[in-house]
Protein backbone atom coordinates (compact mmCIF):
# COMPACT_ATOMS: atom_id res chain seq x y z
CA MET A 1 136.01 55.46 88.85
CA THR A 2 136.77 56.95 92.28
CA VAL A 3 138.15 60.59 91.86
CA LEU A 4 139.50 62.44 95.10
CA VAL A 5 138.95 66.03 95.36
CA THR A 6 141.35 68.02 97.64
CA GLY A 7 140.02 71.48 98.47
CA ALA A 8 136.66 70.25 98.24
CA THR A 9 134.86 72.74 100.26
CA GLY A 10 136.41 75.60 98.11
CA THR A 11 134.74 77.98 95.83
CA VAL A 12 135.90 75.49 92.80
CA GLY A 13 136.32 72.24 94.71
CA ARG A 14 132.78 71.82 95.77
CA LEU A 15 131.80 72.63 92.25
CA VAL A 16 134.16 69.83 90.82
CA VAL A 17 132.49 67.39 93.33
CA GLU A 18 129.15 68.43 91.94
CA GLU A 19 130.54 67.96 88.25
CA LEU A 20 131.72 64.53 88.87
CA LEU A 21 128.62 63.33 90.78
CA ALA A 22 126.55 64.62 87.66
CA ALA A 23 128.85 62.43 85.48
CA GLY A 24 128.14 59.32 87.53
CA GLN A 25 131.68 59.09 89.15
CA ARG A 26 132.49 58.11 92.85
CA VAL A 27 133.87 61.02 94.66
CA ARG A 28 136.08 61.12 97.73
CA ALA A 29 136.55 64.56 99.30
CA LEU A 30 139.56 65.76 101.43
CA THR A 31 138.68 68.59 103.77
CA ARG A 32 139.86 69.86 107.11
CA ASN A 33 136.71 69.75 108.81
CA PRO A 34 134.27 67.09 107.60
CA ALA A 35 131.85 68.08 110.12
CA THR A 36 131.17 71.41 108.39
CA ALA A 37 131.50 70.32 104.88
CA ALA A 38 128.07 70.07 103.94
CA LEU A 39 128.68 68.10 100.60
CA PRO A 40 126.11 66.13 98.68
CA GLU A 41 124.98 62.88 99.59
CA GLY A 42 127.00 60.15 98.56
CA VAL A 43 130.42 61.75 98.75
CA GLU A 44 132.67 60.01 100.68
CA VAL A 45 134.23 62.75 103.06
CA VAL A 46 137.60 62.27 104.57
CA ALA A 47 139.72 64.32 107.09
CA GLY A 48 143.25 65.86 106.23
CA ASP A 49 145.46 68.55 105.49
CA LEU A 50 147.47 68.93 102.36
CA ASP A 51 150.29 70.62 104.50
CA ARG A 52 150.72 67.44 106.54
CA PRO A 53 151.21 64.50 104.01
CA ALA A 54 152.56 62.34 106.63
CA GLU A 55 149.02 62.14 107.99
CA LEU A 56 147.18 61.19 104.61
CA ALA A 57 148.09 57.58 104.47
CA GLY A 58 145.11 55.74 102.85
CA VAL A 59 143.49 58.82 101.34
CA PHE A 60 144.58 57.78 97.68
CA ASP A 61 143.69 54.20 98.10
CA GLY A 62 141.56 52.99 95.37
CA VAL A 63 141.69 56.53 93.65
CA GLU A 64 142.37 56.74 89.85
CA ALA A 65 142.10 60.34 89.37
CA ALA A 66 142.90 63.24 91.68
CA HIS A 67 142.04 67.17 91.62
CA LEU A 68 144.75 68.78 93.50
CA ILE A 69 145.33 72.39 94.69
CA ASN A 70 148.90 73.50 95.04
CA PHE A 71 148.25 75.69 98.35
CA ALA A 72 147.41 74.93 101.77
CA GLY A 73 145.64 76.85 104.62
CA ASP A 74 143.65 80.12 104.46
CA ASP A 75 146.69 82.03 103.60
CA TYR A 76 147.15 80.27 100.44
CA ALA A 77 150.80 79.38 101.42
CA PRO A 78 152.53 76.98 99.07
CA LEU A 79 152.60 73.36 100.03
CA PRO A 80 155.50 72.57 102.24
CA ASP A 81 156.14 69.18 100.75
CA GLY A 82 154.10 68.62 97.38
CA ALA A 83 156.63 65.86 96.42
CA ALA A 84 155.51 63.69 99.34
CA LEU A 85 151.79 64.11 98.38
CA VAL A 86 152.89 63.25 94.67
CA GLY A 87 154.48 60.20 96.13
CA LEU A 88 151.58 58.95 98.07
CA ALA A 89 149.38 59.31 94.96
CA ALA A 90 151.89 57.47 92.66
CA GLU A 91 152.19 54.64 95.07
CA ALA A 92 148.70 54.30 95.42
CA GLY A 93 148.22 53.89 91.62
CA VAL A 94 146.54 57.15 90.80
CA ARG A 95 146.58 57.51 87.16
CA ARG A 96 145.66 61.17 86.31
CA ALA A 97 145.73 64.60 88.08
CA THR A 98 144.65 68.19 87.58
CA VAL A 99 146.31 71.06 89.64
CA LEU A 100 144.34 74.16 90.07
CA GLY A 101 146.38 77.21 89.40
CA GLY A 102 149.44 74.87 88.78
CA ARG A 103 152.74 76.49 87.84
CA GLU A 104 155.51 74.48 86.05
CA ASP A 105 158.09 75.40 88.82
CA GLY A 106 156.44 74.43 91.57
CA GLU A 107 157.52 71.36 93.77
CA LEU A 108 154.13 69.56 93.33
CA GLU A 109 153.93 70.12 89.69
CA ARG A 110 157.79 69.09 89.08
CA ALA A 111 157.23 66.10 91.12
CA LEU A 112 154.15 65.13 89.07
CA ALA A 113 156.11 65.61 86.00
CA GLY A 114 158.38 62.86 87.08
CA SER A 115 155.85 60.48 88.58
CA GLY A 116 154.26 58.76 85.66
CA ILE A 117 150.85 60.23 86.73
CA GLU A 118 149.06 61.88 83.63
CA TRP A 119 148.98 65.65 84.80
CA THR A 120 147.21 68.62 83.61
CA LEU A 121 147.55 72.06 84.98
CA LEU A 122 144.59 74.45 84.96
CA HIS A 123 145.15 78.46 84.97
CA PRO A 124 142.16 80.23 85.26
CA VAL A 125 142.09 83.76 84.74
CA GLU A 126 140.10 86.14 87.26
CA PHE A 127 137.23 84.08 89.09
CA MET A 128 133.81 86.00 88.76
CA SER A 129 133.12 84.59 92.10
CA ASN A 130 135.52 87.23 93.57
CA THR A 131 132.98 89.71 92.76
CA LEU A 132 131.04 88.18 96.06
CA ARG A 133 134.09 88.64 98.22
CA TRP A 134 134.98 92.11 97.12
CA TRP A 135 131.53 93.82 96.19
CA ALA A 136 128.53 92.07 97.95
CA GLU A 137 128.52 94.08 101.12
CA THR A 138 129.23 97.57 99.79
CA VAL A 139 126.60 96.93 96.99
CA ARG A 140 124.08 95.83 99.70
CA THR A 141 124.77 98.69 102.15
CA GLU A 142 125.83 101.40 99.79
CA GLY A 143 124.73 100.79 96.21
CA VAL A 144 128.50 101.96 95.21
CA ILE A 145 131.67 100.30 94.02
CA LYS A 146 134.95 102.17 94.76
CA GLU A 147 138.07 100.73 92.95
CA PRO A 148 140.89 101.73 90.85
CA PHE A 149 141.59 101.22 87.23
CA GLY A 150 137.93 101.53 85.57
CA ASP A 151 138.96 100.65 82.21
CA ARG A 152 141.02 97.36 83.37
CA LEU A 153 140.18 94.69 81.05
CA SER A 154 139.49 91.11 82.29
CA ALA A 155 138.32 87.94 80.59
CA LEU A 156 137.14 86.40 84.13
CA VAL A 157 135.83 82.86 84.28
CA HIS A 158 132.99 81.38 85.76
CA GLU A 159 133.80 79.08 88.72
CA ARG A 160 131.49 76.32 87.32
CA ASP A 161 133.24 76.26 83.85
CA ILE A 162 136.64 75.90 85.86
CA ALA A 163 135.02 72.78 87.65
CA ALA A 164 133.53 71.48 84.64
CA VAL A 165 137.05 71.39 82.79
CA ALA A 166 138.64 69.78 85.76
CA ALA A 167 136.01 67.03 85.91
CA THR A 168 136.32 66.44 82.23
CA VAL A 169 139.72 66.20 81.99
CA LEU A 170 139.81 63.80 85.22
CA THR A 171 137.36 61.64 83.81
CA GLU A 172 137.96 61.45 79.93
CA GLY A 173 141.83 61.60 80.10
CA GLY A 174 144.00 62.43 76.85
CA HIS A 175 144.98 66.02 78.44
CA GLY A 176 148.40 64.67 80.03
CA GLY A 177 151.39 67.11 80.07
CA ARG A 178 148.86 70.13 78.99
CA THR A 179 148.52 73.55 80.56
CA TYR A 180 145.11 75.11 80.08
CA VAL A 181 144.50 78.82 80.53
CA LEU A 182 140.69 79.14 81.24
CA THR A 183 138.72 82.20 80.54
CA GLY A 184 135.09 83.43 80.07
CA PRO A 185 133.71 84.47 76.58
CA GLU A 186 134.43 88.02 76.75
CA ALA A 187 137.00 90.57 78.05
CA ILE A 188 134.78 93.25 79.89
CA THR A 189 136.11 96.67 81.69
CA LEU A 190 135.44 97.24 85.39
CA ARG A 191 132.91 99.82 84.45
CA GLU A 192 131.11 97.36 82.36
CA LYS A 193 131.17 94.99 85.07
CA VAL A 194 129.49 97.27 87.54
CA ALA A 195 126.89 98.09 84.95
CA ILE A 196 126.04 94.34 84.30
CA LEU A 197 126.08 93.54 87.84
CA ALA A 198 123.61 96.70 88.49
CA ALA A 199 121.34 95.60 85.76
CA ALA A 200 121.14 92.14 87.08
CA VAL A 201 120.64 93.32 90.71
CA GLY A 202 117.77 95.64 89.61
CA ARG A 203 119.25 98.89 91.35
CA ASP A 204 121.55 101.63 90.50
CA VAL A 205 124.99 100.82 91.58
CA ARG A 206 127.33 103.97 91.38
CA PHE A 207 131.25 103.45 90.29
CA VAL A 208 133.72 105.87 91.89
CA GLU A 209 137.25 105.44 90.44
CA LEU A 210 139.91 105.87 92.94
CA THR A 211 143.36 107.07 92.39
CA VAL A 212 146.12 104.66 93.00
CA ASP A 213 146.72 106.33 96.60
CA GLU A 214 143.06 106.56 97.26
CA ALA A 215 142.84 102.69 96.69
CA ARG A 216 146.03 101.97 98.77
CA ALA A 217 144.26 103.95 101.66
CA LYS A 218 141.32 102.18 101.34
CA TRP A 219 142.55 98.60 101.16
CA ARG A 220 144.86 99.50 104.06
CA ALA A 221 141.84 100.58 106.10
CA ASP A 222 140.13 97.34 105.20
CA GLY A 223 142.95 95.64 107.12
CA MET A 224 145.05 94.29 104.04
CA GLY A 225 148.54 93.99 104.71
CA GLU A 226 151.14 96.18 102.63
CA GLU A 227 152.32 93.22 100.65
CA THR A 228 148.75 92.41 99.38
CA VAL A 229 148.11 96.17 98.74
CA GLU A 230 151.02 96.42 96.59
CA PHE A 231 150.24 92.98 94.67
CA LEU A 232 146.79 94.58 93.99
CA ILE A 233 148.04 97.58 92.58
CA GLY A 234 150.55 95.72 90.24
CA ALA A 235 148.07 93.09 89.16
CA LEU A 236 145.31 95.35 88.52
CA GLY A 237 147.02 98.16 87.36
CA HIS A 238 149.18 96.41 84.93
CA THR A 239 146.80 93.37 83.99
CA PRO A 240 149.09 90.75 81.86
CA GLU A 241 147.86 90.15 78.37
CA VAL A 242 146.70 86.59 79.41
CA GLY A 243 144.34 88.03 81.86
CA TYR A 244 142.21 89.72 79.17
CA THR A 245 142.61 87.47 76.20
CA VAL A 246 139.67 85.22 75.54
CA VAL A 247 140.57 81.54 74.71
CA PRO A 248 138.21 78.99 73.78
CA THR A 249 139.45 76.15 76.08
CA VAL A 250 136.06 75.83 78.05
CA LYS A 251 134.16 74.97 75.13
CA GLU A 252 136.72 72.87 73.37
CA ILE A 253 137.29 70.59 76.53
CA THR A 254 133.67 70.55 77.85
CA GLY A 255 131.77 70.98 74.57
CA ARG A 256 129.51 73.88 76.11
CA ASP A 257 130.00 77.55 75.84
CA ALA A 258 131.82 79.40 78.64
CA ARG A 259 129.22 81.38 80.80
CA SER A 260 129.32 85.05 80.73
CA PHE A 261 129.42 87.44 83.64
CA ARG A 262 125.99 88.50 82.75
CA GLN A 263 124.92 84.93 83.62
CA TRP A 264 126.87 84.84 86.78
CA ALA A 265 125.64 88.22 88.00
CA GLU A 266 121.86 87.03 87.32
CA GLU A 267 122.69 83.62 89.18
CA ASN A 268 124.07 85.58 92.33
CA ALA A 269 121.95 88.78 92.18
CA ALA A 270 120.25 88.15 95.54
CA ALA A 271 123.52 88.44 97.25
CA PHE A 272 123.87 91.98 96.36
CA ARG A 273 120.40 93.01 97.12
CA PRO A 274 119.60 94.74 100.65
């Protein structure tokens, strides 16, 4: 079958491509800049932007399943016309779709529910890969992590497991109308996360717990907008139960145990070394 992967150069999308190729599927990858996509050989790379569905004519032709994201652009803004995107997919005969981070009240998701396409929403909790974004530079240069809420629990999930679930759902089917929360195999505190990373990197990494006001000042100095700062204070300071409750979805769907943060840290340790 031919599977379309949108957001194909993103953290998860790139891995969805790899998982589908490993399963022997034909992959068409949608990206805004094919020249810099650097996707594996054999992938059909096509240009397009989800926030301009009028320019996507033909992208879904011959596609049987599609991995969709419900945002566009670097600022993760909601799609301006998710219904048009679903209309293109349905008209082309797409039978199955996954939506990363899908929310039941979104325009894209509502359109899928009424389209006849077999849809599945994937709700990962905290990505392990966010550790690279937030911590790599400071660990390399200072050997220290400065964050608030040291005892905050998270059942963070490996990005490869998210991709494996998406690829399995798209190729096997039978998951229509389901919403899956995806977690790792354990819930760990921020302090434990720092210790696990330090062991994998092979160097001391100090944890300095910031007060809420100190965290606000640090993030503002890092260039974050006020809305983002307050979102982080709320999300990290009052993590909802779903964010730290381990569920077996990854194993139930893929047949493989979810990867631990220790595994992730060992795989990515080089990025944190000077």
